[in-house]
């Protein structure tokens, strides 16, 4: 298995960190998907474990709550025989006033080779990279970036869309609160880099015009945004945004922006339905669509493991 992975590595420039996707080329991303295929084969075995990262230690530093991302990274590390140490801000010394830097230095003493970091403040993974010799993988920082989510989304599309022949000529429609979504930003960057068209849609108060650039269109009309799309991704509606006056009432949002069967009729006939989770069923997406054959929401979660296995392997083995 590892010899197959090594073959894909020859097309990959050795990367120091995964902080965002700006400095990853399309070729490197597609090579990472090939490595993910190999890792997916591992997860189909009776014994879902290989010694690829034996002797390495991966630390998960989550300063913000997470279920899917954290468990996925820990599963990805252990499936390759890495040791895992976990940190959660709640109940830690940070609650007693310890600084972020001092907390990192304390954990650094345990000799982790790589940290998976999630933080509510944008840019924190970049700062941590300056304070440690370990590799940093961004698991979501503020509203800025969530690179591995975008990677698993694009990987899922490439493996599930019928007749897939590359991203060029494909269209992704992202519906919802784009302003506060790191998932939307990373997917917009990644899909555009791979040659796809991206359409962003939502209420004008959460649809920043500065995100519109070559290959990215902005619209507050969901029917216009979804027309011809090969993949449609809805974003979780956060009630705190409504309380701040940024979004209409739930009833109005459902009327204008819920992904419904009527809306999906305008998409490509074989369009996939995606959601980064967690879902507000029958709010941003009709429950019948979330459970339909076109939905790949559960496959996105499952694919998070082999994609993150590939990220860890590429960065750690590349370092050596």
C-alpha atoms as a PDB file:
ATOM      1  CA  UNK A   1       0.000   0.000   0.000  1.00  0.00           C
ATOM      2  CA  UNK A   2       2.694   2.521   0.937  1.00  0.00           C
ATOM      3  CA  UNK A   3       4.581   1.935  -2.328  1.00  0.00           C
ATOM      4  CA  UNK A   4       1.442   3.049  -4.171  1.00  0.00           C
ATOM      5  CA  UNK A   5       1.301   6.171  -2.020  1.00  0.00           C
ATOM      6  CA  UNK A   6       4.969   6.867  -2.675  1.00  0.00           C
ATOM      7  CA  UNK A   7       4.284   6.861  -6.399  1.00  0.00           C
ATOM      8  CA  UNK A   8       1.784   9.687  -6.019  1.00  0.00           C
ATOM      9  CA  UNK A   9       4.247  11.661  -3.892  1.00  0.00           C
ATOM     10  CA  UNK A  10       6.580  12.242  -6.790  1.00  0.00           C
ATOM     11  CA  UNK A  11       4.141  14.812  -8.197  1.00  0.00           C
ATOM     12  CA  UNK A  12       3.812  16.570  -4.847  1.00  0.00           C
ATOM     13  CA  UNK A  13       6.065  19.354  -3.683  1.00  0.00           C
ATOM     14  CA  UNK A  14       6.895  18.744  -0.030  1.00  0.00           C
ATOM     15  CA  UNK A  15       4.673  20.992   2.050  1.00  0.00           C
ATOM     16  CA  UNK A  16       5.534  22.340   5.473  1.00  0.00           C
ATOM     17  CA  UNK A  17       1.992  23.073   6.699  1.00  0.00           C
ATOM     18  CA  UNK A  18      -1.634  23.057   5.556  1.00  0.00           C
ATOM     19  CA  UNK A  19      -2.861  26.475   6.676  1.00  0.00           C
ATOM     20  CA  UNK A  20      -5.054  27.173   3.674  1.00  0.00           C
ATOM     21  CA  UNK A  21      -5.213  26.149   0.015  1.00  0.00           C
ATOM     22  CA  UNK A  22      -3.780  29.272  -1.577  1.00  0.00           C
ATOM     23  CA  UNK A  23      -0.306  27.824  -2.055  1.00  0.00           C
ATOM     24  CA  UNK A  24      -1.401  24.341  -3.138  1.00  0.00           C
ATOM     25  CA  UNK A  25      -1.462  23.841  -6.907  1.00  0.00           C
ATOM     26  CA  UNK A  26      -4.194  21.948  -8.750  1.00  0.00           C
ATOM     27  CA  UNK A  27      -1.664  19.209  -9.507  1.00  0.00           C
ATOM     28  CA  UNK A  28      -0.780  18.823  -5.827  1.00  0.00           C
ATOM     29  CA  UNK A  29      -4.429  18.672  -4.817  1.00  0.00           C
ATOM     30  CA  UNK A  30      -5.241  15.989  -7.393  1.00  0.00           C
ATOM     31  CA  UNK A  31      -2.191  14.001  -6.267  1.00  0.00           C
ATOM     32  CA  UNK A  32      -3.529  14.236  -2.716  1.00  0.00           C
ATOM     33  CA  UNK A  33      -6.829  12.807  -3.981  1.00  0.00           C
ATOM     34  CA  UNK A  34      -4.928   9.864  -5.488  1.00  0.00           C
ATOM     35  CA  UNK A  35      -3.326   9.253  -2.088  1.00  0.00           C
ATOM     36  CA  UNK A  36      -6.793   9.483  -0.530  1.00  0.00           C
ATOM     37  CA  UNK A  37      -7.914   6.663  -2.840  1.00  0.00           C
ATOM     38  CA  UNK A  38      -5.198   4.449  -1.397  1.00  0.00           C
ATOM     39  CA  UNK A  39      -6.191   5.385   2.134  1.00  0.00           C
ATOM     40  CA  UNK A  40      -9.839   4.660   1.314  1.00  0.00           C
ATOM     41  CA  UNK A  41      -8.790   1.120   0.389  1.00  0.00           C
ATOM     42  CA  UNK A  42      -7.240   0.750   3.843  1.00  0.00           C
ATOM     43  CA  UNK A  43     -10.555   1.712   5.420  1.00  0.00           C
ATOM     44  CA  UNK A  44     -12.290  -1.074   3.467  1.00  0.00           C
ATOM     45  CA  UNK A  45     -10.096  -3.786   4.962  1.00  0.00           C
ATOM     46  CA  UNK A  46     -11.046  -6.068   7.827  1.00  0.00           C
ATOM     47  CA  UNK A  47      -8.166  -4.603   9.835  1.00  0.00           C
ATOM     48  CA  UNK A  48      -8.331  -0.878   9.131  1.00  0.00           C
ATOM     49  CA  UNK A  49      -4.816   0.024  10.142  1.00  0.00           C
ATOM     50  CA  UNK A  50      -1.356   0.398   8.588  1.00  0.00           C
ATOM     51  CA  UNK A  51       2.007   1.341  10.147  1.00  0.00           C
ATOM     52  CA  UNK A  52       2.549   4.329   7.837  1.00  0.00           C
ATOM     53  CA  UNK A  53       2.922   6.872  10.674  1.00  0.00           C
ATOM     54  CA  UNK A  54       4.222   4.612  13.404  1.00  0.00           C
ATOM     55  CA  UNK A  55       6.544   6.605  15.651  1.00  0.00           C
ATOM     56  CA  UNK A  56       4.868   9.941  14.880  1.00  0.00           C
ATOM     57  CA  UNK A  57       2.702  11.850  17.352  1.00  0.00           C
ATOM     58  CA  UNK A  58      -0.289  13.927  16.248  1.00  0.00           C
ATOM     59  CA  UNK A  59      -1.793  16.476  18.614  1.00  0.00           C
ATOM     60  CA  UNK A  60      -5.365  17.717  18.161  1.00  0.00           C
ATOM     61  CA  UNK A  61      -5.679  21.230  19.600  1.00  0.00           C
ATOM     62  CA  UNK A  62      -9.325  22.274  19.542  1.00  0.00           C
ATOM     63  CA  UNK A  63     -10.065  25.678  21.055  1.00  0.00           C
ATOM     64  CA  UNK A  64     -13.559  25.497  19.543  1.00  0.00           C
ATOM     65  CA  UNK A  65     -16.153  22.721  19.682  1.00  0.00           C
ATOM     66  CA  UNK A  66     -16.128  20.061  16.978  1.00  0.00           C
ATOM     67  CA  UNK A  67     -17.457  16.572  16.383  1.00  0.00           C
ATOM     68  CA  UNK A  68     -16.864  15.551  12.763  1.00  0.00           C
ATOM     69  CA  UNK A  69     -13.513  17.211  12.192  1.00  0.00           C
ATOM     70  CA  UNK A  70     -11.896  16.214  15.462  1.00  0.00           C
ATOM     71  CA  UNK A  71     -13.018  12.587  15.393  1.00  0.00           C
ATOM     72  CA  UNK A  72     -12.088  12.338  11.711  1.00  0.00           C
ATOM     73  CA  UNK A  73      -8.527  13.560  12.286  1.00  0.00           C
ATOM     74  CA  UNK A  74      -8.021  11.305  15.308  1.00  0.00           C
ATOM     75  CA  UNK A  75      -9.340   8.323  13.362  1.00  0.00           C
ATOM     76  CA  UNK A  76      -7.063   9.224  10.448  1.00  0.00           C
ATOM     77  CA  UNK A  77      -4.004   9.372  12.698  1.00  0.00           C
ATOM     78  CA  UNK A  78      -4.711   6.141  14.563  1.00  0.00           C
ATOM     79  CA  UNK A  79      -5.515   4.273  11.339  1.00  0.00           C
ATOM     80  CA  UNK A  80      -1.887   4.941  10.358  1.00  0.00           C
ATOM     81  CA  UNK A  81      -0.541   3.895  13.780  1.00  0.00           C
ATOM     82  CA  UNK A  82       0.368   7.411  14.942  1.00  0.00           C
ATOM     83  CA  UNK A  83       0.127   8.274  18.632  1.00  0.00           C
ATOM     84  CA  UNK A  84      -2.530  10.899  19.395  1.00  0.00           C
ATOM     85  CA  UNK A  85      -2.703  13.467  22.172  1.00  0.00           C
ATOM     86  CA  UNK A  86      -5.860  15.564  22.490  1.00  0.00           C
ATOM     87  CA  UNK A  87      -6.382  19.039  23.899  1.00  0.00           C
ATOM     88  CA  UNK A  88      -9.639  20.910  24.461  1.00  0.00           C
ATOM     89  CA  UNK A  89      -9.646  24.456  25.809  1.00  0.00           C
ATOM     90  CA  UNK A  90     -12.576  23.841  28.134  1.00  0.00           C
ATOM     91  CA  UNK A  91     -11.254  22.691  31.525  1.00  0.00           C
ATOM     92  CA  UNK A  92      -7.641  23.355  30.551  1.00  0.00           C
ATOM     93  CA  UNK A  93      -5.137  25.726  32.150  1.00  0.00           C
ATOM     94  CA  UNK A  94      -6.306  28.383  29.702  1.00  0.00           C
ATOM     95  CA  UNK A  95      -9.409  28.732  31.870  1.00  0.00           C
ATOM     96  CA  UNK A  96      -6.993  29.718  34.660  1.00  0.00           C
ATOM     97  CA  UNK A  97      -5.429  32.459  32.579  1.00  0.00           C
ATOM     98  CA  UNK A  98      -2.618  30.633  30.766  1.00  0.00           C
ATOM     99  CA  UNK A  99      -1.769  32.250  27.422  1.00  0.00           C
ATOM    100  CA  UNK A 100      -2.088  30.526  24.068  1.00  0.00           C
ATOM    101  CA  UNK A 101       1.679  30.593  23.590  1.00  0.00           C
ATOM    102  CA  UNK A 102       2.417  29.098  27.012  1.00  0.00           C
ATOM    103  CA  UNK A 103      -0.214  26.420  26.446  1.00  0.00           C
ATOM    104  CA  UNK A 104       1.434  25.472  23.149  1.00  0.00           C
ATOM    105  CA  UNK A 105       4.887  25.355  24.743  1.00  0.00           C
ATOM    106  CA  UNK A 106       3.545  23.034  27.438  1.00  0.00           C
ATOM    107  CA  UNK A 107       2.091  20.667  24.844  1.00  0.00           C
ATOM    108  CA  UNK A 108       5.253  20.987  22.746  1.00  0.00           C
ATOM    109  CA  UNK A 109       7.180  19.399  25.595  1.00  0.00           C
ATOM    110  CA  UNK A 110       5.309  16.182  24.791  1.00  0.00           C
ATOM    111  CA  UNK A 111       7.069  16.150  21.389  1.00  0.00           C
ATOM    112  CA  UNK A 112       4.226  16.161  18.903  1.00  0.00           C
ATOM    113  CA  UNK A 113       5.270  16.088  15.253  1.00  0.00           C
ATOM    114  CA  UNK A 114       2.062  17.681  13.956  1.00  0.00           C
ATOM    115  CA  UNK A 115      -0.779  19.714  15.410  1.00  0.00           C
ATOM    116  CA  UNK A 116      -4.328  19.836  14.073  1.00  0.00           C
ATOM    117  CA  UNK A 117      -5.655  23.223  15.194  1.00  0.00           C
ATOM    118  CA  UNK A 118      -9.148  24.710  15.361  1.00  0.00           C
ATOM    119  CA  UNK A 119      -9.705  28.190  16.770  1.00  0.00           C
ATOM    120  CA  UNK A 120     -12.481  30.772  16.685  1.00  0.00           C
ATOM    121  CA  UNK A 121     -10.015  33.536  15.790  1.00  0.00           C
ATOM    122  CA  UNK A 122      -8.810  33.799  12.193  1.00  0.00           C
ATOM    123  CA  UNK A 123      -5.056  33.489  11.751  1.00  0.00           C
ATOM    124  CA  UNK A 124      -4.267  31.516  14.918  1.00  0.00           C
ATOM    125  CA  UNK A 125      -2.823  28.509  13.013  1.00  0.00           C
ATOM    126  CA  UNK A 126      -0.413  30.902  11.267  1.00  0.00           C
ATOM    127  CA  UNK A 127       0.703  32.291  14.634  1.00  0.00           C
ATOM    128  CA  UNK A 128       1.175  28.834  16.133  1.00  0.00           C
ATOM    129  CA  UNK A 129       3.356  27.886  13.159  1.00  0.00           C
ATOM    130  CA  UNK A 130       5.773  30.625  14.276  1.00  0.00           C
ATOM    131  CA  UNK A 131       5.944  29.308  17.832  1.00  0.00           C
ATOM    132  CA  UNK A 132       6.622  25.621  17.164  1.00  0.00           C
ATOM    133  CA  UNK A 133       8.787  23.424  14.968  1.00  0.00           C
ATOM    134  CA  UNK A 134       5.872  21.004  14.540  1.00  0.00           C
ATOM    135  CA  UNK A 135       3.713  20.880  11.414  1.00  0.00           C
ATOM    136  CA  UNK A 136       0.411  22.781  11.637  1.00  0.00           C
ATOM    137  CA  UNK A 137      -2.808  21.657   9.939  1.00  0.00           C
ATOM    138  CA  UNK A 138      -5.651  24.152  10.020  1.00  0.00           C
ATOM    139  CA  UNK A 139      -8.913  22.493  11.097  1.00  0.00           C
ATOM    140  CA  UNK A 140     -10.834  25.767  10.882  1.00  0.00           C
ATOM    141  CA  UNK A 141      -9.921  29.293  11.991  1.00  0.00           C
ATOM    142  CA  UNK A 142     -12.633  31.865  12.487  1.00  0.00           C
ATOM    143  CA  UNK A 143     -14.484  32.565   9.280  1.00  0.00           C
ATOM    144  CA  UNK A 144     -11.267  32.462   7.224  1.00  0.00           C
ATOM    145  CA  UNK A 145     -10.511  28.882   6.149  1.00  0.00           C
ATOM    146  CA  UNK A 146     -11.284  25.185   6.613  1.00  0.00           C
ATOM    147  CA  UNK A 147      -9.022  23.542   4.012  1.00  0.00           C
ATOM    148  CA  UNK A 148      -9.568  19.864   4.810  1.00  0.00           C
ATOM    149  CA  UNK A 149     -13.349  20.288   4.654  1.00  0.00           C
ATOM    150  CA  UNK A 150     -13.010  21.731   1.160  1.00  0.00           C
ATOM    151  CA  UNK A 151     -10.656  18.907   0.195  1.00  0.00           C
ATOM    152  CA  UNK A 152     -13.082  16.209   1.314  1.00  0.00           C
ATOM    153  CA  UNK A 153     -15.988  18.020  -0.383  1.00  0.00           C
ATOM    154  CA  UNK A 154     -14.184  18.185  -3.729  1.00  0.00           C
ATOM    155  CA  UNK A 155     -12.887  14.624  -3.316  1.00  0.00           C
ATOM    156  CA  UNK A 156     -16.427  13.365  -2.661  1.00  0.00           C
ATOM    157  CA  UNK A 157     -17.713  15.109  -5.765  1.00  0.00           C
ATOM    158  CA  UNK A 158     -14.920  13.706  -7.927  1.00  0.00           C
ATOM    159  CA  UNK A 159     -15.666  10.155  -6.763  1.00  0.00           C
ATOM    160  CA  UNK A 160     -19.486  10.333  -6.745  1.00  0.00           C
ATOM    161  CA  UNK A 161     -20.565  12.453  -9.714  1.00  0.00           C
ATOM    162  CA  UNK A 162     -21.665  10.202 -12.560  1.00  0.00           C
ATOM    163  CA  UNK A 163     -19.447  10.580 -15.597  1.00  0.00           C
ATOM    164  CA  UNK A 164     -16.953  12.814 -13.796  1.00  0.00           C
ATOM    165  CA  UNK A 165     -14.217  13.944 -16.186  1.00  0.00           C
ATOM    166  CA  UNK A 166     -12.546  16.713 -14.231  1.00  0.00           C
ATOM    167  CA  UNK A 167     -13.645  19.943 -12.574  1.00  0.00           C
ATOM    168  CA  UNK A 168     -13.401  22.097 -15.674  1.00  0.00           C
ATOM    169  CA  UNK A 169     -16.904  22.888 -16.906  1.00  0.00           C
ATOM    170  CA  UNK A 170     -18.488  21.910 -13.583  1.00  0.00           C
ATOM    171  CA  UNK A 171     -20.433  24.259 -11.333  1.00  0.00           C
ATOM    172  CA  UNK A 172     -20.745  24.365  -7.545  1.00  0.00           C
ATOM    173  CA  UNK A 173     -23.546  26.407  -5.971  1.00  0.00           C
ATOM    174  CA  UNK A 174     -23.114  27.363  -2.297  1.00  0.00           C
ATOM    175  CA  UNK A 175     -26.277  28.581  -0.542  1.00  0.00           C
ATOM    176  CA  UNK A 176     -26.536  30.320   2.822  1.00  0.00           C
ATOM    177  CA  UNK A 177     -24.562  32.499   5.206  1.00  0.00           C
ATOM    178  CA  UNK A 178     -21.438  32.903   3.099  1.00  0.00           C
ATOM    179  CA  UNK A 179     -20.145  35.870   5.123  1.00  0.00           C
ATOM    180  CA  UNK A 180     -19.445  33.807   8.242  1.00  0.00           C
ATOM    181  CA  UNK A 181     -18.545  30.539   6.511  1.00  0.00           C
ATOM    182  CA  UNK A 182     -14.944  29.317   6.400  1.00  0.00           C
ATOM    183  CA  UNK A 183     -16.242  26.280   4.516  1.00  0.00           C
ATOM    184  CA  UNK A 184     -17.604  28.490   1.735  1.00  0.00           C
ATOM    185  CA  UNK A 185     -14.330  30.413   1.439  1.00  0.00           C
ATOM    186  CA  UNK A 186     -12.148  27.305   1.242  1.00  0.00           C
ATOM    187  CA  UNK A 187     -14.455  25.576  -1.237  1.00  0.00           C
ATOM    188  CA  UNK A 188     -14.604  28.710  -3.357  1.00  0.00           C
ATOM    189  CA  UNK A 189     -10.790  28.810  -3.459  1.00  0.00           C
ATOM    190  CA  UNK A 190     -10.364  25.089  -4.138  1.00  0.00           C
ATOM    191  CA  UNK A 191     -13.037  24.552  -6.798  1.00  0.00           C
ATOM    192  CA  UNK A 192     -11.940  27.690  -8.667  1.00  0.00           C
ATOM    193  CA  UNK A 193      -8.333  26.500  -8.563  1.00  0.00           C
ATOM    194  CA  UNK A 194      -9.418  23.173 -10.068  1.00  0.00           C
ATOM    195  CA  UNK A 195     -11.204  24.946 -12.923  1.00  0.00           C
ATOM    196  CA  UNK A 196     -14.833  24.823 -11.773  1.00  0.00           C
ATOM    197  CA  UNK A 197     -17.328  27.686 -11.672  1.00  0.00           C
ATOM    198  CA  UNK A 198     -18.645  28.701  -8.246  1.00  0.00           C
ATOM    199  CA  UNK A 199     -21.950  30.446  -7.538  1.00  0.00           C
ATOM    200  CA  UNK A 200     -22.595  31.988  -4.104  1.00  0.00           C
ATOM    201  CA  UNK A 201     -26.138  32.714  -2.956  1.00  0.00           C
ATOM    202  CA  UNK A 202     -27.797  34.077   0.163  1.00  0.00           C
ATOM    203  CA  UNK A 203     -29.397  37.157   1.691  1.00  0.00           C
ATOM    204  CA  UNK A 204     -27.513  40.302   0.667  1.00  0.00           C
ATOM    205  CA  UNK A 205     -26.537  41.000   4.294  1.00  0.00           C
ATOM    206  CA  UNK A 206     -24.405  37.832   4.404  1.00  0.00           C
ATOM    207  CA  UNK A 207     -23.155  37.866   0.818  1.00  0.00           C
ATOM    208  CA  UNK A 208     -19.964  39.977   0.672  1.00  0.00           C
ATOM    209  CA  UNK A 209     -19.385  41.438  -2.780  1.00  0.00           C
ATOM    210  CA  UNK A 210     -15.601  41.297  -2.348  1.00  0.00           C
ATOM    211  CA  UNK A 211     -15.765  37.511  -2.738  1.00  0.00           C
ATOM    212  CA  UNK A 212     -16.776  37.892  -6.373  1.00  0.00           C
ATOM    213  CA  UNK A 213     -13.842  37.306  -8.724  1.00  0.00           C
ATOM    214  CA  UNK A 214     -13.036  35.381 -11.892  1.00  0.00           C
ATOM    215  CA  UNK A 215     -14.973  32.113 -11.840  1.00  0.00           C
ATOM    216  CA  UNK A 216     -17.130  33.135  -8.855  1.00  0.00           C
ATOM    217  CA  UNK A 217     -20.607  34.622  -9.260  1.00  0.00           C
ATOM    218  CA  UNK A 218     -22.814  36.156  -6.565  1.00  0.00           C
ATOM    219  CA  UNK A 219     -26.616  36.195  -6.530  1.00  0.00           C
ATOM    220  CA  UNK A 220     -29.413  36.597  -3.988  1.00  0.00           C
ATOM    221  CA  UNK A 221     -31.703  34.498  -6.195  1.00  0.00           C
ATOM    222  CA  UNK A 222     -31.442  30.790  -5.366  1.00  0.00           C
ATOM    223  CA  UNK A 223     -33.005  29.676  -8.659  1.00  0.00           C
ATOM    224  CA  UNK A 224     -30.431  31.670 -10.612  1.00  0.00           C
ATOM    225  CA  UNK A 225     -27.535  30.390  -8.480  1.00  0.00           C
ATOM    226  CA  UNK A 226     -28.496  26.711  -8.738  1.00  0.00           C
ATOM    227  CA  UNK A 227     -29.266  26.692 -12.461  1.00  0.00           C
ATOM    228  CA  UNK A 228     -27.081  24.082 -14.177  1.00  0.00           C
ATOM    229  CA  UNK A 229     -25.096  23.318 -11.010  1.00  0.00           C
ATOM    230  CA  UNK A 230     -23.427  19.900 -10.775  1.00  0.00           C
ATOM    231  CA  UNK A 231     -23.182  20.149  -6.985  1.00  0.00           C
ATOM    232  CA  UNK A 232     -25.300  22.201  -4.582  1.00  0.00           C
ATOM    233  CA  UNK A 233     -24.004  22.845  -1.063  1.00  0.00           C
ATOM    234  CA  UNK A 234     -26.127  24.392   1.648  1.00  0.00           C
ATOM    235  CA  UNK A 235     -24.652  26.004   4.753  1.00  0.00           C
ATOM    236  CA  UNK A 236     -25.988  25.721   8.290  1.00  0.00           C
ATOM    237  CA  UNK A 237     -28.307  28.558   9.274  1.00  0.00           C
ATOM    238  CA  UNK A 238     -27.013  30.015  12.544  1.00  0.00           C
ATOM    239  CA  UNK A 239     -29.782  31.508  14.651  1.00  0.00           C
ATOM    240  CA  UNK A 240     -27.387  33.969  16.273  1.00  0.00           C
ATOM    241  CA  UNK A 241     -27.081  35.684  12.880  1.00  0.00           C
ATOM    242  CA  UNK A 242     -30.830  36.302  12.876  1.00  0.00           C
ATOM    243  CA  UNK A 243     -30.641  37.767  16.370  1.00  0.00           C
ATOM    244  CA  UNK A 244     -28.002  40.180  15.082  1.00  0.00           C
ATOM    245  CA  UNK A 245     -30.361  41.268  12.317  1.00  0.00           C
ATOM    246  CA  UNK A 246     -28.223  39.803   9.528  1.00  0.00           C
ATOM    247  CA  UNK A 247     -30.736  37.206   8.421  1.00  0.00           C
ATOM    248  CA  UNK A 248     -34.523  37.238   8.001  1.00  0.00           C
ATOM    249  CA  UNK A 249     -36.839  35.121  10.105  1.00  0.00           C
ATOM    250  CA  UNK A 250     -36.680  31.355   9.716  1.00  0.00           C
ATOM    251  CA  UNK A 251     -39.976  31.394   7.812  1.00  0.00           C
ATOM    252  CA  UNK A 252     -38.703  33.990   5.338  1.00  0.00           C
ATOM    253  CA  UNK A 253     -35.375  32.209   4.943  1.00  0.00           C
ATOM    254  CA  UNK A 254     -37.161  28.933   4.212  1.00  0.00           C
ATOM    255  CA  UNK A 255     -39.303  30.633   1.582  1.00  0.00           C
ATOM    256  CA  UNK A 256     -36.435  32.324  -0.248  1.00  0.00           C
ATOM    257  CA  UNK A 257     -33.336  30.198   0.375  1.00  0.00           C
ATOM    258  CA  UNK A 258     -34.254  26.669   1.447  1.00  0.00           C
ATOM    259  CA  UNK A 259     -32.947  24.022  -0.943  1.00  0.00           C
ATOM    260  CA  UNK A 260     -36.127  22.341  -2.103  1.00  0.00           C
ATOM    261  CA  UNK A 261     -37.144  19.904  -4.801  1.00  0.00           C
ATOM    262  CA  UNK A 262     -38.434  22.827  -6.882  1.00  0.00           C
ATOM    263  CA  UNK A 263     -35.035  24.518  -6.714  1.00  0.00           C
ATOM    264  CA  UNK A 264     -33.139  21.314  -7.543  1.00  0.00           C
ATOM    265  CA  UNK A 265     -35.129  20.892 -10.759  1.00  0.00           C
ATOM    266  CA  UNK A 266     -33.024  23.728 -12.202  1.00  0.00           C
ATOM    267  CA  UNK A 267     -29.725  22.040 -11.345  1.00  0.00           C
ATOM    268  CA  UNK A 268     -27.957  19.494 -13.533  1.00  0.00           C
ATOM    269  CA  UNK A 269     -30.106  16.324 -13.766  1.00  0.00           C
ATOM    270  CA  UNK A 270     -27.506  14.347 -11.801  1.00  0.00           C
ATOM    271  CA  UNK A 271     -26.435  17.126  -9.436  1.00  0.00           C
ATOM    272  CA  UNK A 272     -25.180  16.063  -6.004  1.00  0.00           C
ATOM    273  CA  UNK A 273     -26.490  17.574  -2.768  1.00  0.00           C
ATOM    274  CA  UNK A 274     -23.850  18.468  -0.179  1.00  0.00           C
ATOM    275  CA  UNK A 275     -23.721  19.936   3.331  1.00  0.00           C
ATOM    276  CA  UNK A 276     -20.719  20.313   5.672  1.00  0.00           C
ATOM    277  CA  UNK A 277     -22.951  19.645   8.705  1.00  0.00           C
ATOM    278  CA  UNK A 278     -24.475  19.867  11.155  1.00  0.00           C
ATOM    279  CA  UNK A 279     -27.824  20.164   9.364  1.00  0.00           C
ATOM    280  CA  UNK A 280     -30.874  22.157  10.394  1.00  0.00           C
ATOM    281  CA  UNK A 281     -33.301  19.786   8.729  1.00  0.00           C
ATOM    282  CA  UNK A 282     -36.155  21.478   6.862  1.00  0.00           C
ATOM    283  CA  UNK A 283     -34.568  24.895   7.383  1.00  0.00           C
ATOM    284  CA  UNK A 284     -31.664  25.355   4.966  1.00  0.00           C
ATOM    285  CA  UNK A 285     -32.435  22.067   3.232  1.00  0.00           C
ATOM    286  CA  UNK A 286     -35.620  20.043   2.869  1.00  0.00           C
ATOM    287  CA  UNK A 287     -35.377  16.825   4.845  1.00  0.00           C
ATOM    288  CA  UNK A 288     -36.495  14.762   1.861  1.00  0.00           C
ATOM    289  CA  UNK A 289     -33.490  16.032  -0.126  1.00  0.00           C
ATOM    290  CA  UNK A 290     -31.044  15.410   2.711  1.00  0.00           C
ATOM    291  CA  UNK A 291     -32.163  11.773   2.695  1.00  0.00           C
ATOM    292  CA  UNK A 292     -32.427  11.394  -1.082  1.00  0.00           C
ATOM    293  CA  UNK A 293     -30.233   9.318  -3.387  1.00  0.00           C
ATOM    294  CA  UNK A 294     -28.657  12.527  -4.691  1.00  0.00           C
ATOM    295  CA  UNK A 295     -27.418  13.438  -1.213  1.00  0.00           C
ATOM    296  CA  UNK A 296     -23.759  12.653  -0.464  1.00  0.00           C
ATOM    297  CA  UNK A 297     -23.789  14.232   2.998  1.00  0.00           C
ATOM    298  CA  UNK A 298     -22.943  10.989   4.819  1.00  0.00           C
ATOM    299  CA  UNK A 299     -20.307  10.164   2.213  1.00  0.00           C
ATOM    300  CA  UNK A 300     -18.686  13.543   2.892  1.00  0.00           C
ATOM    301  CA  UNK A 301     -18.277  12.531   6.533  1.00  0.00           C
ATOM    302  CA  UNK A 302     -16.927   9.093   5.602  1.00  0.00           C
ATOM    303  CA  UNK A 303     -14.488  10.544   3.062  1.00  0.00           C
ATOM    304  CA  UNK A 304     -13.113  12.884   5.694  1.00  0.00           C
ATOM    305  CA  UNK A 305     -11.081  10.017   7.124  1.00  0.00           C
ATOM    306  CA  UNK A 306      -9.110   8.929   3.999  1.00  0.00           C
ATOM    307  CA  UNK A 307      -8.624  12.546   2.898  1.00  0.00           C
ATOM    308  CA  UNK A 308      -7.231  13.513   6.295  1.00  0.00           C
ATOM    309  CA  UNK A 309      -5.144  10.339   6.337  1.00  0.00           C
ATOM    310  CA  UNK A 310      -3.639  11.529   3.063  1.00  0.00           C
ATOM    311  CA  UNK A 311      -2.978  15.006   4.486  1.00  0.00           C
ATOM    312  CA  UNK A 312      -1.221  13.628   7.573  1.00  0.00           C
ATOM    313  CA  UNK A 313       0.813  11.142   5.556  1.00  0.00           C
ATOM    314  CA  UNK A 314       1.867  13.699   2.950  1.00  0.00           C
ATOM    315  CA  UNK A 315       2.982  16.277   5.504  1.00  0.00           C
ATOM    316  CA  UNK A 316       4.655  13.937   7.989  1.00  0.00           C
ATOM    317  CA  UNK A 317       6.402  11.608   5.575  1.00  0.00           C
ATOM    318  CA  UNK A 318       7.256  14.562   3.359  1.00  0.00           C
ATOM    319  CA  UNK A 319       8.977  16.180   6.350  1.00  0.00           C
ATOM    320  CA  UNK A 320      11.221  13.157   6.770  1.00  0.00           C
END
